[in-house]
Amino acid sequence: MIIATTRAGVEVEEISVLAHKLRDLYDPDALFVLVQMDHHIQMVARSTTDAIDVSIMAKAFEGGGHSKAAAALIQGPSLQEVHDRLIDCWSATSDPRRRWQRSCRWACTH
């Protein structure tokens, strides 16, 4: 899994293009791009395997999508808090690719 984070002083569009380039370059099982803008964080999530459904993570942040491409507009928590929450969800199981859905649902809601 890769989590890429950055801050932008202005609204940035097409974060998904960056996510696709990172996915193509590194070929991770899962990729999360977090961009802190003035009043929110934009999360773009991508998966390269059927074993990881990134829409579950997006839903935990009130976003949506499908198993291999999802996004969320996050208001409230800091960039570091969102990053840490992603790590907590991923770390909730010793084998995240096998039990991702069950553990992530639990970790992201508790």
N, C-alpha and C. Protein backbone atom coordinates (compact mmCIF):
# COMPACT_ATOMS: atom_id res chain seq x y z
N MET A 1 0.84 -1.17 0.00
CA MET A 1 0.00 0.00 0.00
C MET A 1 0.88 1.23 0.00
N ILE A 2 0.45 2.23 -0.75
CA ILE A 2 1.11 3.52 -0.77
C ILE A 2 0.11 4.58 -0.35
N ILE A 3 0.53 5.47 0.55
CA ILE A 3 -0.26 6.65 0.89
C ILE A 3 0.60 7.85 0.53
N ALA A 4 0.15 8.64 -0.42
CA ALA A 4 0.85 9.85 -0.83
C ALA A 4 0.07 11.05 -0.29
N THR A 5 0.76 11.98 0.37
CA THR A 5 0.09 13.15 0.93
C THR A 5 0.79 14.42 0.48
N THR A 6 0.00 15.48 0.33
CA THR A 6 0.54 16.78 0.01
C THR A 6 -0.48 17.85 0.39
N ARG A 7 -0.01 19.09 0.38
CA ARG A 7 -0.88 20.23 0.63
C ARG A 7 -0.87 21.12 -0.60
N ALA A 8 -2.04 21.67 -0.93
CA ALA A 8 -2.16 22.57 -2.07
C ALA A 8 -2.81 23.86 -1.58
N GLY A 9 -2.24 24.98 -1.95
CA GLY A 9 -2.77 26.28 -1.53
C GLY A 9 -4.04 26.67 -2.27
N VAL A 10 -4.29 26.02 -3.37
CA VAL A 10 -5.48 26.32 -4.18
C VAL A 10 -6.20 25.01 -4.49
N GLU A 11 -7.41 25.13 -4.98
CA GLU A 11 -8.16 23.94 -5.39
C GLU A 11 -7.43 23.25 -6.54
N VAL A 12 -7.29 21.95 -6.44
CA VAL A 12 -6.60 21.17 -7.46
C VAL A 12 -7.59 20.19 -8.05
N GLU A 13 -7.66 20.16 -9.35
CA GLU A 13 -8.51 19.19 -10.04
C GLU A 13 -7.62 18.10 -10.63
N GLU A 14 -8.25 17.04 -11.02
CA GLU A 14 -7.56 15.94 -11.68
C GLU A 14 -6.53 15.24 -10.80
N ILE A 15 -6.83 15.11 -9.51
CA ILE A 15 -5.96 14.34 -8.62
C ILE A 15 -5.93 12.88 -9.08
N SER A 16 -7.00 12.45 -9.71
CA SER A 16 -7.05 11.08 -10.20
C SER A 16 -5.98 10.81 -11.25
N VAL A 17 -5.61 11.82 -12.03
CA VAL A 17 -4.55 11.65 -13.02
C VAL A 17 -3.23 11.34 -12.31
N LEU A 18 -2.94 12.07 -11.25
CA LEU A 18 -1.75 11.81 -10.45
C LEU A 18 -1.80 10.41 -9.85
N ALA A 19 -2.96 10.02 -9.34
CA ALA A 19 -3.11 8.69 -8.75
C ALA A 19 -2.82 7.60 -9.79
N HIS A 20 -3.31 7.77 -10.99
CA HIS A 20 -3.07 6.77 -12.04
C HIS A 20 -1.59 6.70 -12.41
N LYS A 21 -0.93 7.85 -12.45
CA LYS A 21 0.51 7.85 -12.77
C LYS A 21 1.30 7.14 -11.67
N LEU A 22 0.96 7.42 -10.41
CA LEU A 22 1.64 6.74 -9.30
C LEU A 22 1.36 5.24 -9.32
N ARG A 23 0.12 4.88 -9.61
CA ARG A 23 -0.23 3.46 -9.68
C ARG A 23 0.54 2.77 -10.79
N ASP A 24 0.62 3.41 -11.95
CA ASP A 24 1.36 2.81 -13.07
C ASP A 24 2.85 2.70 -12.78
N LEU A 25 3.40 3.68 -12.08
CA LEU A 25 4.83 3.70 -11.78
C LEU A 25 5.23 2.67 -10.74
N TYR A 26 4.44 2.57 -9.65
CA TYR A 26 4.82 1.71 -8.52
C TYR A 26 4.07 0.38 -8.45
N ASP A 27 2.95 0.27 -9.11
CA ASP A 27 2.13 -0.94 -9.13
C ASP A 27 1.83 -1.49 -7.73
N PRO A 28 1.32 -0.65 -6.82
CA PRO A 28 0.99 -1.14 -5.48
C PRO A 28 -0.35 -1.88 -5.51
N ASP A 29 -0.59 -2.70 -4.49
CA ASP A 29 -1.90 -3.34 -4.36
C ASP A 29 -2.98 -2.29 -4.11
N ALA A 30 -2.63 -1.26 -3.34
CA ALA A 30 -3.57 -0.17 -3.05
C ALA A 30 -2.80 1.14 -2.99
N LEU A 31 -3.45 2.20 -3.43
CA LEU A 31 -2.85 3.53 -3.46
C LEU A 31 -3.89 4.53 -2.95
N PHE A 32 -3.46 5.38 -2.04
CA PHE A 32 -4.31 6.46 -1.53
C PHE A 32 -3.56 7.77 -1.70
N VAL A 33 -4.16 8.72 -2.40
CA VAL A 33 -3.59 10.04 -2.57
C VAL A 33 -4.45 11.00 -1.76
N LEU A 34 -3.82 11.69 -0.81
CA LEU A 34 -4.50 12.66 0.05
C LEU A 34 -3.96 14.04 -0.24
N VAL A 35 -4.84 14.96 -0.63
CA VAL A 35 -4.43 16.33 -0.92
C VAL A 35 -5.20 17.27 -0.01
N GLN A 36 -4.47 17.97 0.87
CA GLN A 36 -5.06 18.97 1.77
C GLN A 36 -5.23 20.26 0.99
N MET A 37 -6.47 20.72 0.89
CA MET A 37 -6.75 22.00 0.25
C MET A 37 -7.19 22.97 1.36
N ASP A 38 -7.69 24.12 1.00
CA ASP A 38 -8.03 25.13 2.01
C ASP A 38 -8.96 24.61 3.10
N HIS A 39 -10.07 23.98 2.72
CA HIS A 39 -11.09 23.62 3.70
C HIS A 39 -11.44 22.14 3.73
N HIS A 40 -10.71 21.33 3.01
CA HIS A 40 -11.01 19.90 2.98
C HIS A 40 -9.81 19.10 2.48
N ILE A 41 -9.94 17.81 2.58
CA ILE A 41 -8.94 16.89 2.05
C ILE A 41 -9.62 16.05 0.97
N GLN A 42 -8.99 15.97 -0.17
CA GLN A 42 -9.50 15.11 -1.24
C GLN A 42 -8.72 13.80 -1.19
N MET A 43 -9.45 12.70 -1.10
CA MET A 43 -8.82 11.38 -1.14
C MET A 43 -9.20 10.69 -2.45
N VAL A 44 -8.19 10.18 -3.14
CA VAL A 44 -8.40 9.37 -4.33
C VAL A 44 -7.75 8.02 -4.03
N ALA A 45 -8.50 6.95 -4.20
CA ALA A 45 -8.02 5.61 -3.87
C ALA A 45 -8.10 4.71 -5.10
N ARG A 46 -7.06 3.92 -5.28
CA ARG A 46 -7.01 2.98 -6.39
C ARG A 46 -6.51 1.63 -5.89
N SER A 47 -7.01 0.56 -6.50
CA SER A 47 -6.58 -0.79 -6.18
C SER A 47 -6.19 -1.50 -7.48
N THR A 48 -5.18 -2.35 -7.39
CA THR A 48 -4.76 -3.11 -8.57
C THR A 48 -5.07 -4.59 -8.41
N THR A 49 -5.79 -4.93 -7.36
CA THR A 49 -6.09 -6.33 -7.10
C THR A 49 -7.54 -6.49 -6.65
N ASP A 50 -8.13 -7.62 -6.97
CA ASP A 50 -9.50 -7.89 -6.53
C ASP A 50 -9.58 -8.11 -5.02
N ALA A 51 -8.45 -8.37 -4.39
CA ALA A 51 -8.44 -8.66 -2.95
C ALA A 51 -8.65 -7.42 -2.10
N ILE A 52 -8.47 -6.23 -2.67
CA ILE A 52 -8.62 -4.99 -1.91
C ILE A 52 -9.69 -4.13 -2.56
N ASP A 53 -10.74 -3.84 -1.82
CA ASP A 53 -11.86 -3.02 -2.28
C ASP A 53 -11.71 -1.63 -1.66
N VAL A 54 -11.18 -0.67 -2.44
CA VAL A 54 -10.93 0.66 -1.89
C VAL A 54 -12.21 1.46 -1.64
N SER A 55 -13.34 1.01 -2.19
CA SER A 55 -14.59 1.73 -1.92
C SER A 55 -14.97 1.64 -0.45
N ILE A 56 -14.53 0.57 0.22
CA ILE A 56 -14.82 0.43 1.65
C ILE A 56 -14.14 1.55 2.43
N MET A 57 -12.90 1.85 2.09
CA MET A 57 -12.18 2.93 2.76
C MET A 57 -12.84 4.27 2.44
N ALA A 58 -13.20 4.48 1.18
CA ALA A 58 -13.84 5.74 0.81
C ALA A 58 -15.15 5.93 1.57
N LYS A 59 -15.92 4.86 1.71
CA LYS A 59 -17.18 4.95 2.46
C LYS A 59 -16.93 5.30 3.93
N ALA A 60 -15.83 4.82 4.48
CA ALA A 60 -15.50 5.15 5.87
C ALA A 60 -15.26 6.65 6.05
N PHE A 61 -14.93 7.33 4.95
CA PHE A 61 -14.72 8.79 4.97
C PHE A 61 -15.87 9.50 4.26
N GLU A 62 -17.03 8.84 4.17
CA GLU A 62 -18.24 9.39 3.56
C GLU A 62 -18.09 9.65 2.07
N GLY A 63 -17.24 8.85 1.42
CA GLY A 63 -17.07 8.93 -0.03
C GLY A 63 -17.72 7.74 -0.69
N GLY A 64 -17.26 7.42 -1.88
CA GLY A 64 -17.83 6.30 -2.60
C GLY A 64 -16.98 5.92 -3.78
N GLY A 65 -17.52 5.02 -4.57
CA GLY A 65 -16.80 4.54 -5.74
C GLY A 65 -17.06 3.07 -5.93
N HIS A 66 -16.09 2.40 -6.53
CA HIS A 66 -16.20 0.96 -6.69
C HIS A 66 -14.91 0.31 -6.23
N SER A 67 -14.80 -0.99 -6.38
CA SER A 67 -13.73 -1.74 -5.74
C SER A 67 -12.32 -1.30 -6.14
N LYS A 68 -12.14 -0.83 -7.35
CA LYS A 68 -10.79 -0.47 -7.81
C LYS A 68 -10.55 1.03 -7.94
N ALA A 69 -11.59 1.84 -7.78
CA ALA A 69 -11.44 3.29 -7.88
C ALA A 69 -12.50 3.96 -7.02
N ALA A 70 -12.04 4.77 -6.07
CA ALA A 70 -12.97 5.43 -5.16
C ALA A 70 -12.38 6.77 -4.74
N ALA A 71 -13.22 7.60 -4.12
CA ALA A 71 -12.77 8.92 -3.68
C ALA A 71 -13.64 9.40 -2.53
N ALA A 72 -13.11 10.40 -1.82
CA ALA A 72 -13.86 11.02 -0.74
C ALA A 72 -13.41 12.47 -0.59
N LEU A 73 -14.34 13.32 -0.22
CA LEU A 73 -14.07 14.70 0.14
C LEU A 73 -14.22 14.76 1.65
N ILE A 74 -13.11 14.97 2.35
CA ILE A 74 -13.08 14.83 3.81
C ILE A 74 -12.98 16.21 4.45
N GLN A 75 -13.93 16.50 5.33
CA GLN A 75 -13.91 17.77 6.04
C GLN A 75 -13.81 17.50 7.54
N GLY A 76 -12.96 18.22 8.21
CA GLY A 76 -12.84 18.07 9.66
C GLY A 76 -11.46 17.65 10.10
N PRO A 77 -11.10 16.37 9.92
CA PRO A 77 -9.81 15.92 10.45
C PRO A 77 -8.64 16.52 9.66
N SER A 78 -7.49 16.54 10.31
CA SER A 78 -6.28 17.03 9.66
C SER A 78 -5.74 15.98 8.70
N LEU A 79 -4.81 16.40 7.86
CA LEU A 79 -4.16 15.49 6.93
C LEU A 79 -3.49 14.34 7.69
N GLN A 80 -2.83 14.67 8.79
CA GLN A 80 -2.16 13.64 9.59
C GLN A 80 -3.18 12.66 10.19
N GLU A 81 -4.32 13.18 10.66
CA GLU A 81 -5.35 12.30 11.22
C GLU A 81 -5.92 11.35 10.18
N VAL A 82 -6.14 11.84 8.97
CA VAL A 82 -6.65 10.98 7.91
C VAL A 82 -5.60 9.93 7.55
N HIS A 83 -4.36 10.34 7.44
CA HIS A 83 -3.26 9.42 7.17
C HIS A 83 -3.21 8.33 8.23
N ASP A 84 -3.25 8.73 9.50
CA ASP A 84 -3.18 7.77 10.60
C ASP A 84 -4.36 6.80 10.60
N ARG A 85 -5.54 7.32 10.25
CA ARG A 85 -6.73 6.47 10.20
C ARG A 85 -6.60 5.42 9.09
N LEU A 86 -6.02 5.82 7.96
CA LEU A 86 -5.77 4.86 6.88
C LEU A 86 -4.81 3.76 7.35
N ILE A 87 -3.76 4.16 8.04
CA ILE A 87 -2.79 3.19 8.57
C ILE A 87 -3.47 2.25 9.57
N ASP A 88 -4.30 2.80 10.45
CA ASP A 88 -5.01 1.97 11.43
C ASP A 88 -5.89 0.93 10.75
N CYS A 89 -6.60 1.35 9.71
CA CYS A 89 -7.46 0.41 8.99
C CYS A 89 -6.61 -0.68 8.33
N TRP A 90 -5.52 -0.30 7.74
CA TRP A 90 -4.66 -1.27 7.06
C TRP A 90 -4.03 -2.23 8.06
N SER A 91 -3.63 -1.69 9.22
CA SER A 91 -2.94 -2.49 10.22
C SER A 91 -3.87 -3.32 11.09
N ALA A 92 -5.16 -3.20 10.89
CA ALA A 92 -6.13 -3.90 11.74
C ALA A 92 -6.05 -5.41 11.57
N THR A 93 -5.35 -5.86 10.58
CA THR A 93 -5.20 -7.29 10.35
C THR A 93 -3.76 -7.60 9.97
N SER A 94 -3.30 -8.78 10.26
CA SER A 94 -1.93 -9.15 9.93
C SER A 94 -1.76 -9.44 8.44
N ASP A 95 -2.85 -9.72 7.75
CA ASP A 95 -2.80 -9.99 6.32
C ASP A 95 -3.88 -9.16 5.63
N PRO A 96 -3.61 -7.87 5.39
CA PRO A 96 -4.65 -6.97 4.88
C PRO A 96 -5.22 -7.38 3.54
N ARG A 97 -4.45 -8.02 2.68
CA ARG A 97 -5.00 -8.39 1.38
C ARG A 97 -6.04 -9.48 1.50
N ARG A 98 -5.92 -10.34 2.50
CA ARG A 98 -6.86 -11.44 2.65
C ARG A 98 -8.12 -11.06 3.41
N ARG A 99 -7.96 -10.21 4.43
CA ARG A 99 -9.12 -9.90 5.27
C ARG A 99 -9.41 -8.40 5.29
N TRP A 100 -9.06 -7.71 4.24
CA TRP A 100 -9.19 -6.26 4.14
C TRP A 100 -10.60 -5.78 4.46
N GLN A 101 -11.60 -6.32 3.83
CA GLN A 101 -12.95 -5.78 3.96
C GLN A 101 -13.46 -5.87 5.39
N ARG A 102 -13.36 -7.04 6.02
CA ARG A 102 -13.89 -7.19 7.37
C ARG A 102 -13.16 -6.28 8.35
N SER A 103 -11.84 -6.27 8.33
CA SER A 103 -11.10 -5.51 9.32
C SER A 103 -11.20 -4.02 9.08
N CYS A 104 -11.23 -3.61 7.83
CA CYS A 104 -11.29 -2.18 7.56
C CYS A 104 -12.64 -1.62 7.97
N ARG A 105 -13.70 -2.34 7.71
CA ARG A 105 -15.01 -1.87 8.16
C ARG A 105 -15.00 -1.67 9.67
N TRP A 106 -14.40 -2.61 10.40
CA TRP A 106 -14.37 -2.50 11.85
C TRP A 106 -13.48 -1.34 12.29
N ALA A 107 -12.27 -1.28 11.80
CA ALA A 107 -11.30 -0.26 12.25
C ALA A 107 -11.74 1.14 11.90
N CYS A 108 -12.39 1.32 10.77
CA CYS A 108 -12.76 2.66 10.34
C CYS A 108 -14.02 3.17 11.03
N THR A 109 -14.76 2.30 11.66
CA THR A 109 -15.98 2.75 12.31
C THR A 109 -15.85 2.78 13.83
N HIS A 110 -14.73 2.31 14.38
CA HIS A 110 -14.55 2.27 15.83
C HIS A 110 -13.46 3.20 16.29
